[in-house]
């Protein structure tokens, strides 16, 4: 009898705890709604209406954040994707080029994620406006690529830029220079969400203004916001009315993400009953990509698994190149009508990424974000395509910039292709030290970009400069110790060399 009563009391305690937690959740949500209303009252007109729409999305995300009771993935339920759910690129590219290229292209819209700043490379303003090759910026190269398609096939592929409040103004100013190019360019803004105090779980900002201290209180909520903000902008409807069917989405700093006619043809020519609504380009993982999201089968659906969702005990397993062999390039092909349907049904259920930040004043905040690829589980007949590594050429650092500026690549109509003179299809591993982090300083340290056709590995650290026409082959390591400076003379050829101290050259 005592056991029975004890059981009852434990159950009652558990139930009471659950009720208390639910009450706390409701209280937090109610406080958040009141604070958001106060923020809306600090603005008027269009700004207020845009923010109201943004806040609807934020409320939904915050509500789901409060409901989360543990990891969104149960590790034991993870399965390898079925064989036919990730197709090798060769199988798709093996078919003859379609006769109806123009018809396919006229159904396509190219969308570039353009919300990021160039701060990590020491640049002000949008990252897309950094010069990457022959004075061409990321945006220049994108426009050239699409213009080349439109001229070659007499088509009308538009470019859509998803800007953030950080990049919108500067991007719009620069777009005037493309007025006479054969590319229609549209823009829309991703949402603006309030940063939340880690302790109180309330917004840190006191007004909608983006000036002064208030500016730190806002953030763009990750590229998963594309679905809602694209739909809310009215642009999605407009493009569907023009007969557009698919978008090709990629990061603007991925120079390998060009329109692939084979993938487009495969997408457009699916049989009606099995229309593929979402294609994710994946590529083979190397040790440099161990943190990249991967595709899994989970509860009967293809799903993106990100490192942030992995329980701590399984992180090493997730990073294993042998178990999880591929990762997401964030090159995605998505049906416009499917986005419209899912938005109207409110069926876009994306995992929440909780991103902790510390503001300049030392205040700890959290940002609630989502990832565009996480939506793969919401679409019908989703597919992965294992593409060549050449379709993943992101420029995140000056080390990446050195690769794309070098003679490893040739530039044609805005597209970079690996030089046929390079014997290996892989790119060298380049690690430039902190003296090279900022683009301006990086440029002063190279009198000209070295010949890197036969380079395997380059590490440069400390106060180092390279003269004109330097050639690097094999493994080259240049380390200037603290207080030393190393100048590699013009015309030098370094092959399997370690250079350290005051220009002592040793064979490696």
Protein backbone atom coordinates (compact mmCIF):
# COMPACT_ATOMS: atom_id res chain seq x y z
CA UNK A 1 0.00 0.00 0.00
CA UNK A 2 2.81 2.38 0.94
CA UNK A 3 4.45 1.72 -2.45
CA UNK A 4 1.21 2.54 -4.19
CA UNK A 5 0.79 5.83 -2.31
CA UNK A 6 4.43 6.72 -2.93
CA UNK A 7 3.90 6.04 -6.61
CA UNK A 8 0.89 8.28 -6.60
CA UNK A 9 2.72 11.09 -4.85
CA UNK A 10 5.63 10.83 -7.32
CA UNK A 11 3.17 11.03 -10.18
CA UNK A 12 1.53 14.02 -8.58
CA UNK A 13 4.90 15.74 -8.13
CA UNK A 14 5.74 15.05 -11.77
CA UNK A 15 2.38 16.38 -12.92
CA UNK A 16 2.74 19.44 -10.70
CA UNK A 17 6.19 20.10 -12.14
CA UNK A 18 4.87 19.83 -15.68
CA UNK A 19 2.05 22.26 -14.87
CA UNK A 20 4.52 24.69 -13.29
CA UNK A 21 6.80 24.52 -16.36
CA UNK A 22 3.85 25.10 -18.68
CA UNK A 23 2.78 28.11 -16.56
CA UNK A 24 6.34 29.52 -16.76
CA UNK A 25 6.36 29.04 -20.54
CA UNK A 26 3.07 30.86 -20.91
CA UNK A 27 4.32 33.68 -18.67
CA UNK A 28 7.54 34.06 -20.72
CA UNK A 29 5.57 34.06 -23.95
CA UNK A 30 3.11 36.63 -22.64
CA UNK A 31 5.99 38.89 -21.45
CA UNK A 32 7.68 38.54 -24.84
CA UNK A 33 4.49 39.52 -26.71
CA UNK A 34 4.09 42.59 -24.47
CA UNK A 35 7.72 43.65 -25.09
CA UNK A 36 7.35 43.19 -28.87
CA UNK A 37 4.23 45.36 -28.81
CA UNK A 38 6.20 48.08 -26.98
CA UNK A 39 8.93 47.86 -29.64
CA UNK A 40 6.33 48.24 -32.43
CA UNK A 41 5.01 51.37 -30.73
CA UNK A 42 8.44 53.05 -31.16
CA UNK A 43 7.91 53.24 -34.96
CA UNK A 44 5.18 54.14 -37.42
CA UNK A 45 4.10 53.61 -41.02
CA UNK A 46 5.84 51.07 -43.25
CA UNK A 47 8.64 50.28 -40.77
CA UNK A 48 6.06 49.30 -38.18
CA UNK A 49 4.14 47.08 -40.62
CA UNK A 50 7.28 45.31 -41.86
CA UNK A 51 8.38 44.72 -38.26
CA UNK A 52 4.94 43.40 -37.35
CA UNK A 53 5.26 40.74 -40.08
CA UNK A 54 8.79 39.91 -38.91
CA UNK A 55 7.59 39.59 -35.32
CA UNK A 56 4.91 37.04 -36.32
CA UNK A 57 7.72 34.79 -37.54
CA UNK A 58 9.76 35.48 -34.41
CA UNK A 59 6.82 34.68 -32.08
CA UNK A 60 6.41 31.32 -33.80
CA UNK A 61 10.14 30.58 -33.42
CA UNK A 62 10.16 31.71 -29.77
CA UNK A 63 7.09 29.58 -28.99
CA UNK A 64 8.78 26.51 -30.47
CA UNK A 65 12.03 27.34 -28.65
CA UNK A 66 10.18 27.32 -25.30
CA UNK A 67 8.57 23.94 -26.13
CA UNK A 68 11.85 22.14 -26.85
CA UNK A 69 12.51 19.62 -24.10
CA UNK A 70 15.69 18.00 -25.36
CA UNK A 71 17.67 17.14 -28.49
CA UNK A 72 15.63 17.31 -31.71
CA UNK A 73 17.24 14.04 -32.86
CA UNK A 74 17.21 10.64 -31.18
CA UNK A 75 20.56 9.17 -32.25
CA UNK A 76 19.26 5.60 -32.23
CA UNK A 77 16.63 6.45 -34.88
CA UNK A 78 19.18 7.73 -37.40
CA UNK A 79 19.46 5.60 -40.55
CA UNK A 80 21.56 5.86 -43.68
CA UNK A 81 19.60 7.37 -46.57
CA UNK A 82 18.25 4.80 -49.07
CA UNK A 83 20.52 4.23 -52.10
CA UNK A 84 18.24 5.99 -54.58
CA UNK A 85 17.74 9.09 -52.38
CA UNK A 86 21.27 10.38 -53.10
CA UNK A 87 22.09 10.15 -56.81
CA UNK A 88 25.65 10.34 -58.18
CA UNK A 89 26.10 13.42 -60.37
CA UNK A 90 27.59 11.30 -63.18
CA UNK A 91 24.30 9.43 -63.55
CA UNK A 92 22.43 12.72 -64.06
CA UNK A 93 25.12 14.33 -66.22
CA UNK A 94 25.51 11.13 -68.28
CA UNK A 95 22.45 11.88 -70.36
CA UNK A 96 22.81 13.96 -73.53
CA UNK A 97 22.31 17.73 -73.11
CA UNK A 98 18.61 18.51 -73.47
CA UNK A 99 17.24 20.07 -76.66
CA UNK A 100 14.96 22.31 -74.63
CA UNK A 101 17.65 24.17 -72.63
CA UNK A 102 15.89 27.51 -73.17
CA UNK A 103 12.55 26.10 -71.95
CA UNK A 104 14.21 24.75 -68.80
CA UNK A 105 16.08 28.00 -68.11
CA UNK A 106 12.94 30.10 -68.53
CA UNK A 107 11.44 28.20 -65.58
CA UNK A 108 14.41 29.06 -63.35
CA UNK A 109 15.21 31.87 -60.91
CA UNK A 110 18.71 32.19 -59.38
CA UNK A 111 18.63 33.25 -55.71
CA UNK A 112 21.81 34.29 -53.90
CA UNK A 113 22.00 34.57 -50.12
CA UNK A 114 23.43 38.07 -49.71
CA UNK A 115 22.92 38.85 -46.02
CA UNK A 116 26.52 38.62 -44.82
CA UNK A 117 29.09 41.34 -44.16
CA UNK A 118 32.78 41.15 -45.01
CA UNK A 119 33.85 41.76 -41.40
CA UNK A 120 35.59 38.38 -40.98
CA UNK A 121 37.94 39.43 -43.80
CA UNK A 122 38.42 42.95 -42.44
CA UNK A 123 36.08 44.62 -44.95
CA UNK A 124 33.21 47.01 -44.36
CA UNK A 125 29.87 46.53 -46.08
CA UNK A 126 28.38 43.49 -47.86
CA UNK A 127 30.72 40.56 -48.44
CA UNK A 128 29.40 40.27 -52.01
CA UNK A 129 31.16 43.57 -52.88
CA UNK A 130 34.69 42.28 -52.09
CA UNK A 131 36.91 41.96 -55.20
CA UNK A 132 37.85 38.33 -55.73
CA UNK A 133 39.30 38.08 -59.22
CA UNK A 134 40.54 40.68 -61.76
CA UNK A 135 38.73 43.46 -59.84
CA UNK A 136 35.45 41.50 -60.11
CA UNK A 137 33.35 41.17 -56.96
CA UNK A 138 31.24 38.13 -55.99
CA UNK A 139 28.21 40.05 -57.29
CA UNK A 140 29.93 40.96 -60.59
CA UNK A 141 30.77 37.30 -61.24
CA UNK A 142 27.18 36.22 -60.46
CA UNK A 143 25.73 38.79 -62.87
CA UNK A 144 28.24 37.77 -65.58
CA UNK A 145 27.31 34.08 -65.22
CA UNK A 146 23.56 34.68 -65.58
CA UNK A 147 23.99 37.24 -68.36
CA UNK A 148 26.08 34.66 -70.27
CA UNK A 149 23.24 32.10 -69.96
CA UNK A 150 20.62 34.62 -71.05
CA UNK A 151 22.64 35.68 -74.10
CA UNK A 152 23.71 32.15 -75.09
CA UNK A 153 20.23 30.62 -74.94
CA UNK A 154 18.13 33.77 -75.48
CA UNK A 155 16.43 33.33 -72.11
CA UNK A 156 15.25 35.42 -69.19
CA UNK A 157 16.75 33.98 -65.99
CA UNK A 158 16.37 36.62 -63.26
CA UNK A 159 18.68 37.09 -60.27
CA UNK A 160 17.15 37.52 -56.82
CA UNK A 161 19.25 38.69 -53.88
CA UNK A 162 18.13 37.95 -50.34
CA UNK A 163 19.62 40.89 -48.45
CA UNK A 164 19.65 41.56 -44.73
CA UNK A 165 19.25 44.93 -43.01
CA UNK A 166 23.08 44.90 -42.86
CA UNK A 167 23.55 44.69 -46.65
CA UNK A 168 20.39 46.07 -48.27
CA UNK A 169 21.28 49.75 -48.63
CA UNK A 170 24.82 49.24 -49.97
CA UNK A 171 23.68 46.48 -52.34
CA UNK A 172 20.87 48.58 -53.81
CA UNK A 173 23.30 51.44 -54.50
CA UNK A 174 25.64 49.16 -56.44
CA UNK A 175 22.85 47.50 -58.48
CA UNK A 176 22.58 50.63 -60.64
CA UNK A 177 25.78 49.61 -62.42
CA UNK A 178 24.03 46.52 -63.86
CA UNK A 179 21.16 48.46 -65.48
CA UNK A 180 22.36 47.69 -69.01
CA UNK A 181 23.20 44.03 -68.37
CA UNK A 182 20.88 41.35 -69.68
CA UNK A 183 19.75 40.24 -66.22
CA UNK A 184 16.67 41.36 -64.30
CA UNK A 185 17.68 41.80 -60.66
CA UNK A 186 15.20 41.70 -57.77
CA UNK A 187 15.88 42.00 -54.05
CA UNK A 188 13.99 41.23 -50.89
CA UNK A 189 14.99 41.50 -47.25
CA UNK A 190 15.22 38.68 -44.78
CA UNK A 191 13.53 39.33 -41.45
CA UNK A 192 14.92 41.37 -38.58
CA UNK A 193 14.55 39.59 -35.24
CA UNK A 194 15.30 40.83 -31.71
CA UNK A 195 18.27 39.43 -29.78
CA UNK A 196 17.11 37.97 -26.50
CA UNK A 197 18.75 38.41 -23.09
CA UNK A 198 20.06 34.99 -22.04
CA UNK A 199 18.78 35.38 -18.46
CA UNK A 200 15.41 37.13 -18.82
CA UNK A 201 14.61 35.75 -22.31
CA UNK A 202 13.29 39.21 -23.29
CA UNK A 203 14.48 41.52 -26.11
CA UNK A 204 17.58 43.59 -25.29
CA UNK A 205 16.55 46.42 -27.61
CA UNK A 206 14.30 49.25 -26.42
CA UNK A 207 13.29 50.51 -29.87
CA UNK A 208 13.07 49.55 -33.54
CA UNK A 209 15.78 52.05 -34.46
CA UNK A 210 18.98 50.69 -36.04
CA UNK A 211 21.12 53.53 -34.70
CA UNK A 212 23.09 53.87 -31.48
CA UNK A 213 22.79 51.18 -28.83
CA UNK A 214 19.58 49.78 -30.32
CA UNK A 215 21.49 48.51 -33.38
CA UNK A 216 23.11 45.73 -31.34
CA UNK A 217 19.70 44.40 -30.39
CA UNK A 218 18.83 43.01 -33.85
CA UNK A 219 20.00 40.17 -36.10
CA UNK A 220 19.07 38.46 -39.40
CA UNK A 221 17.77 35.00 -38.36
CA UNK A 222 19.81 32.70 -40.61
CA UNK A 223 19.10 31.65 -44.19
CA UNK A 224 16.20 29.38 -43.16
CA UNK A 225 14.21 32.62 -43.06
CA UNK A 226 14.23 32.67 -46.90
CA UNK A 227 10.90 30.84 -47.15
CA UNK A 228 8.87 33.25 -45.01
CA UNK A 229 10.55 36.47 -46.14
CA UNK A 230 10.43 35.51 -49.86
CA UNK A 231 6.72 34.70 -49.49
CA UNK A 232 5.96 37.84 -47.45
CA UNK A 233 7.75 40.09 -49.95
CA UNK A 234 5.22 39.25 -52.71
CA UNK A 235 8.10 38.37 -55.04
CA UNK A 236 7.37 34.63 -54.87
CA UNK A 237 3.83 35.17 -56.22
CA UNK A 238 5.12 37.55 -58.88
CA UNK A 239 7.66 35.00 -60.20
CA UNK A 240 5.11 32.16 -60.23
CA UNK A 241 2.78 34.42 -62.26
CA UNK A 242 5.65 34.86 -64.77
CA UNK A 243 5.83 31.07 -65.27
CA UNK A 244 8.85 30.45 -63.06
CA UNK A 245 8.88 27.02 -61.37
CA UNK A 246 12.17 26.53 -59.52
CA UNK A 247 14.77 28.53 -57.64
CA UNK A 248 18.47 27.66 -57.47
CA UNK A 249 19.64 28.94 -54.07
CA UNK A 250 23.27 29.25 -52.96
CA UNK A 251 25.60 31.36 -50.84
CA UNK A 252 26.94 34.30 -52.87
CA UNK A 253 30.48 33.51 -51.66
CA UNK A 254 30.40 29.98 -53.13
CA UNK A 255 32.10 30.56 -56.49
CA UNK A 256 31.41 26.96 -57.56
CA UNK A 257 27.62 27.42 -57.37
CA UNK A 258 26.81 28.07 -61.02
CA UNK A 259 23.61 27.03 -62.85
CA UNK A 260 24.04 23.37 -63.81
CA UNK A 261 21.99 22.47 -66.88
CA UNK A 262 22.03 18.72 -66.13
CA UNK A 263 20.55 19.15 -62.64
CA UNK A 264 18.00 21.66 -63.96
CA UNK A 265 16.95 19.29 -66.76
CA UNK A 266 16.63 16.40 -64.30
CA UNK A 267 14.41 18.55 -62.07
CA UNK A 268 12.14 19.95 -64.78
CA UNK A 269 11.61 16.60 -66.51
CA UNK A 270 10.45 14.49 -63.55
CA UNK A 271 7.29 12.43 -64.17
CA UNK A 272 4.17 14.20 -62.85
CA UNK A 273 3.35 11.77 -60.06
CA UNK A 274 6.91 11.97 -58.69
CA UNK A 275 7.69 15.66 -59.07
CA UNK A 276 10.85 16.36 -57.10
CA UNK A 277 10.33 19.53 -55.03
CA UNK A 278 13.77 19.85 -53.47
CA UNK A 279 17.30 18.90 -54.51
CA UNK A 280 20.26 19.33 -52.18
CA UNK A 281 23.73 19.21 -53.71
CA UNK A 282 26.06 17.27 -51.42
CA UNK A 283 29.72 16.39 -51.95
CA UNK A 284 32.23 13.97 -50.45
CA UNK A 285 33.49 14.98 -47.03
CA UNK A 286 37.19 15.56 -46.38
CA UNK A 287 38.86 16.21 -43.03
CA UNK A 288 38.36 19.94 -43.66
CA UNK A 289 34.57 19.48 -43.77
CA UNK A 290 33.91 17.45 -40.63
CA UNK A 291 31.54 20.07 -39.20
CA UNK A 292 29.35 20.27 -42.32
CA UNK A 293 25.73 19.12 -42.15
CA UNK A 294 24.94 15.71 -43.62
CA UNK A 295 21.90 13.87 -44.99
CA UNK A 296 20.25 11.09 -42.98
CA UNK A 297 17.04 9.07 -43.14
CA UNK A 298 14.91 9.86 -40.08
CA UNK A 299 11.37 8.68 -39.45
CA UNK A 300 10.95 7.85 -43.14
CA UNK A 301 12.12 11.24 -44.44
CA UNK A 302 15.37 12.58 -45.85
CA UNK A 303 16.67 15.02 -43.28
CA UNK A 304 19.62 17.40 -42.78
CA UNK A 305 21.63 16.69 -39.63
CA UNK A 306 23.73 19.62 -38.37
CA UNK A 307 26.52 19.35 -35.80
CA UNK A 308 24.52 21.57 -33.39
CA UNK A 309 21.82 18.86 -33.22
CA UNK A 310 24.24 16.06 -32.37
CA UNK A 311 24.37 14.88 -28.72
CA UNK A 312 27.85 15.50 -27.23
CA UNK A 313 28.51 11.76 -26.89
CA UNK A 314 28.16 11.30 -30.66
CA UNK A 315 30.05 14.36 -32.01
CA UNK A 316 33.15 12.32 -32.91
CA UNK A 317 30.97 9.80 -34.71
CA UNK A 318 29.29 12.66 -36.63
CA UNK A 319 32.71 14.00 -37.69
CA UNK A 320 33.77 10.56 -38.95
CA UNK A 321 34.47 10.61 -42.69
CA UNK A 322 33.77 6.87 -42.90
CA UNK A 323 30.27 6.90 -41.33
CA UNK A 324 28.94 10.22 -42.70
CA UNK A 325 30.59 10.44 -46.10
CA UNK A 326 28.91 13.53 -47.56
CA UNK A 327 28.04 17.09 -46.51
CA UNK A 328 25.62 19.80 -47.62
CA UNK A 329 27.09 22.41 -50.02
CA UNK A 330 24.03 24.66 -49.50
CA UNK A 331 23.39 24.62 -53.26
CA UNK A 332 19.65 23.92 -53.36
CA UNK A 333 17.02 23.59 -56.10
CA UNK A 334 13.50 24.19 -54.78
CA UNK A 335 9.98 24.28 -56.25
CA UNK A 336 8.36 27.71 -55.99
CA UNK A 337 4.80 26.32 -55.85
CA UNK A 338 5.85 23.95 -53.05
CA UNK A 339 7.27 26.88 -51.00
CA UNK A 340 3.96 28.72 -51.50
CA UNK A 341 1.95 25.65 -50.42
CA UNK A 342 4.05 24.99 -47.31
CA UNK A 343 4.00 28.66 -46.26
CA UNK A 344 0.22 28.87 -46.64
CA UNK A 345 -0.25 25.63 -44.69
CA UNK A 346 2.24 26.86 -42.05
CA UNK A 347 3.94 23.48 -42.51
CA UNK A 348 7.56 24.67 -42.68
CA UNK A 349 8.93 23.10 -39.51
CA UNK A 350 12.66 23.91 -39.30
CA UNK A 351 14.89 22.92 -36.38
CA UNK A 352 15.89 25.89 -34.23
CA UNK A 353 19.57 26.77 -33.97
CA UNK A 354 20.28 28.57 -30.67
CA UNK A 355 23.27 30.82 -31.33
CA UNK A 356 24.76 32.39 -28.14
CA UNK A 357 26.51 35.76 -28.54
CA UNK A 358 28.18 38.30 -26.28
CA UNK A 359 27.49 41.95 -27.12
CA UNK A 360 30.22 44.64 -26.98
CA UNK A 361 29.11 45.68 -23.49
CA UNK A 362 29.52 42.09 -22.24
CA UNK A 363 25.81 41.22 -22.22
CA UNK A 364 25.03 37.57 -23.04
CA UNK A 365 22.26 37.10 -25.61
CA UNK A 366 20.83 34.33 -27.74
CA UNK A 367 19.81 34.41 -31.39
CA UNK A 368 17.19 31.96 -32.64
CA UNK A 369 18.05 30.93 -36.19
CA UNK A 370 17.12 28.35 -38.83
CA UNK A 371 18.95 26.86 -41.85
CA UNK A 372 17.53 26.77 -45.39
CA UNK A 373 18.56 23.13 -45.97
CA UNK A 374 16.67 21.90 -42.89
CA UNK A 375 13.43 22.26 -44.87
CA UNK A 376 14.31 19.23 -47.01
CA UNK A 377 12.10 17.03 -44.78
CA UNK A 378 9.04 19.19 -45.58
CA UNK A 379 9.14 18.74 -49.38
CA UNK A 380 7.87 15.82 -51.47
CA UNK A 381 10.27 13.47 -53.30
CA UNK A 382 13.35 15.33 -52.03
CA UNK A 383 16.66 14.19 -53.45
CA UNK A 384 20.37 14.58 -52.78
CA UNK A 385 22.83 14.74 -55.68
CA UNK A 386 26.47 13.95 -54.94
CA UNK A 387 28.22 16.61 -57.04
CA UNK A 388 31.92 17.12 -57.82
CA UNK A 389 33.89 19.14 -55.28
CA UNK A 390 34.30 21.88 -57.89
CA UNK A 391 30.70 22.98 -57.15
CA UNK A 392 31.77 23.89 -53.62
CA UNK A 393 34.30 26.72 -53.72
CA UNK A 394 33.46 29.01 -50.79
CA UNK A 395 35.55 32.08 -50.01
CA UNK A 396 35.35 32.51 -46.24
CA UNK A 397 38.95 33.62 -45.54
CA UNK A 398 41.94 35.19 -47.30
CA UNK A 399 43.37 31.64 -47.57
CA UNK A 400 40.39 30.79 -49.81
CA UNK A 401 40.83 34.11 -51.63
CA UNK A 402 44.45 33.26 -52.49
CA UNK A 403 43.29 30.04 -54.17
CA UNK A 404 40.67 31.73 -56.38
CA UNK A 405 42.97 34.63 -57.31
CA UNK A 406 45.74 32.26 -58.40
CA UNK A 407 46.52 30.50 -61.66
CA UNK A 408 44.86 27.35 -60.28
CA UNK A 409 41.66 28.74 -61.81
CA UNK A 410 40.75 30.34 -65.09
CA UNK A 411 37.85 32.76 -65.39
CA UNK A 412 35.34 32.56 -68.23
CA UNK A 413 32.00 34.42 -68.33
CA UNK A 414 31.99 34.80 -64.54
CA UNK A 415 32.71 31.09 -63.87
CA UNK A 416 35.92 29.77 -62.32
CA UNK A 417 37.23 26.42 -63.56
CA UNK A 418 40.28 24.49 -62.41
CA UNK A 419 43.22 24.98 -64.80
CA UNK A 420 43.80 21.95 -67.07
CA UNK A 421 47.54 22.45 -66.31
CA UNK A 422 47.02 21.23 -62.74
CA UNK A 423 47.71 17.51 -62.57
CA UNK A 424 45.48 16.83 -59.53
CA UNK A 425 41.81 17.86 -59.41
CA UNK A 426 42.05 18.71 -55.68
CA UNK A 427 42.83 22.21 -54.42
CA UNK A 428 45.94 22.75 -52.26
CA UNK A 429 45.55 23.19 -48.51
CA UNK A 430 46.37 26.84 -47.70
CA UNK A 431 46.74 28.27 -44.16
CA UNK A 432 47.63 31.96 -43.93
CA UNK A 433 48.38 33.37 -40.46
CA UNK A 434 46.81 36.32 -38.65
CA UNK A 435 48.98 38.88 -40.52
CA UNK A 436 46.96 37.98 -43.64
CA UNK A 437 43.42 37.93 -42.14
CA UNK A 438 42.36 41.35 -43.44
CA UNK A 439 42.05 41.71 -47.20
CA UNK A 440 43.89 45.05 -47.36
CA UNK A 441 46.91 43.73 -45.46
CA UNK A 442 46.83 40.44 -47.36
CA UNK A 443 47.08 42.34 -50.67
CA UNK A 444 50.12 44.32 -49.52
CA UNK A 445 51.98 41.09 -48.64
CA UNK A 446 51.85 39.69 -52.21
CA UNK A 447 53.53 41.77 -54.93
CA UNK A 448 51.83 39.35 -57.29
CA UNK A 449 49.88 36.15 -56.66
CA UNK A 450 52.35 33.23 -56.73
CA UNK A 451 52.30 30.38 -59.26
CA UNK A 452 50.48 27.61 -57.36
CA UNK A 453 49.81 25.03 -60.10
CA UNK A 454 51.99 22.39 -58.44
CA UNK A 455 51.32 23.33 -54.80
CA UNK A 456 49.98 20.74 -52.33
CA UNK A 457 50.20 22.56 -49.01
CA UNK A 458 51.08 26.12 -47.96
CA UNK A 459 51.42 27.46 -44.42
CA UNK A 460 52.48 31.07 -43.88
CA UNK A 461 52.75 32.62 -40.42
CA UNK A 462 54.13 35.90 -39.07
CA UNK A 463 55.51 38.98 -40.86
CA UNK A 464 56.04 37.54 -44.36
CA UNK A 465 55.93 39.14 -47.81
CA UNK A 466 56.27 37.51 -51.24
CA UNK A 467 57.85 39.28 -54.22
CA UNK A 468 56.75 39.13 -57.86
CA UNK A 469 56.62 35.87 -59.84
CA UNK A 470 57.22 33.54 -56.89
CA UNK A 471 56.54 29.88 -57.62
CA UNK A 472 55.34 27.46 -54.89
CA UNK A 473 55.47 23.66 -55.36
CA UNK A 474 54.80 20.65 -53.15
CA UNK A 475 54.71 21.52 -49.43
CA UNK A 476 55.89 25.01 -48.49
CA UNK A 477 56.00 26.32 -44.91
CA UNK A 478 57.10 29.90 -44.18
CA UNK A 479 57.23 30.96 -40.52
CA UNK A 480 58.59 34.31 -39.33
CA UNK A 481 59.17 34.18 -35.58
CA UNK A 482 58.07 37.07 -33.38
CA UNK A 483 60.15 40.16 -34.21
CA UNK A 484 61.51 38.61 -37.45
CA UNK A 485 60.48 39.48 -40.98
CA UNK A 486 60.79 37.25 -44.02
CA UNK A 487 60.75 38.66 -47.56
CA UNK A 488 60.63 35.98 -50.25
CA UNK A 489 62.56 37.56 -53.16
CA UNK A 490 60.98 38.10 -56.59
CA UNK A 491 61.35 35.13 -58.92
CA UNK A 492 61.97 32.60 -56.07
CA UNK A 493 60.94 29.00 -56.59
CA UNK A 494 60.12 27.20 -53.34
CA UNK A 495 59.61 23.46 -53.71
CA UNK A 496 59.12 21.32 -50.58
CA UNK A 497 60.78 24.00 -48.45
CA UNK A 498 60.56 25.16 -44.85
CA UNK A 499 61.53 28.80 -44.40
CA UNK A 500 61.88 30.14 -40.86
CA UNK A 501 63.71 32.78 -38.82
CA UNK A 502 65.53 35.27 -41.05
CA UNK A 503 65.13 33.50 -44.39
CA UNK A 504 66.85 30.21 -43.66
CA UNK A 505 65.72 27.81 -46.34
CA UNK A 506 65.68 24.09 -45.66
CA UNK A 507 64.57 21.18 -47.80
CA UNK A 508 61.49 19.48 -46.50
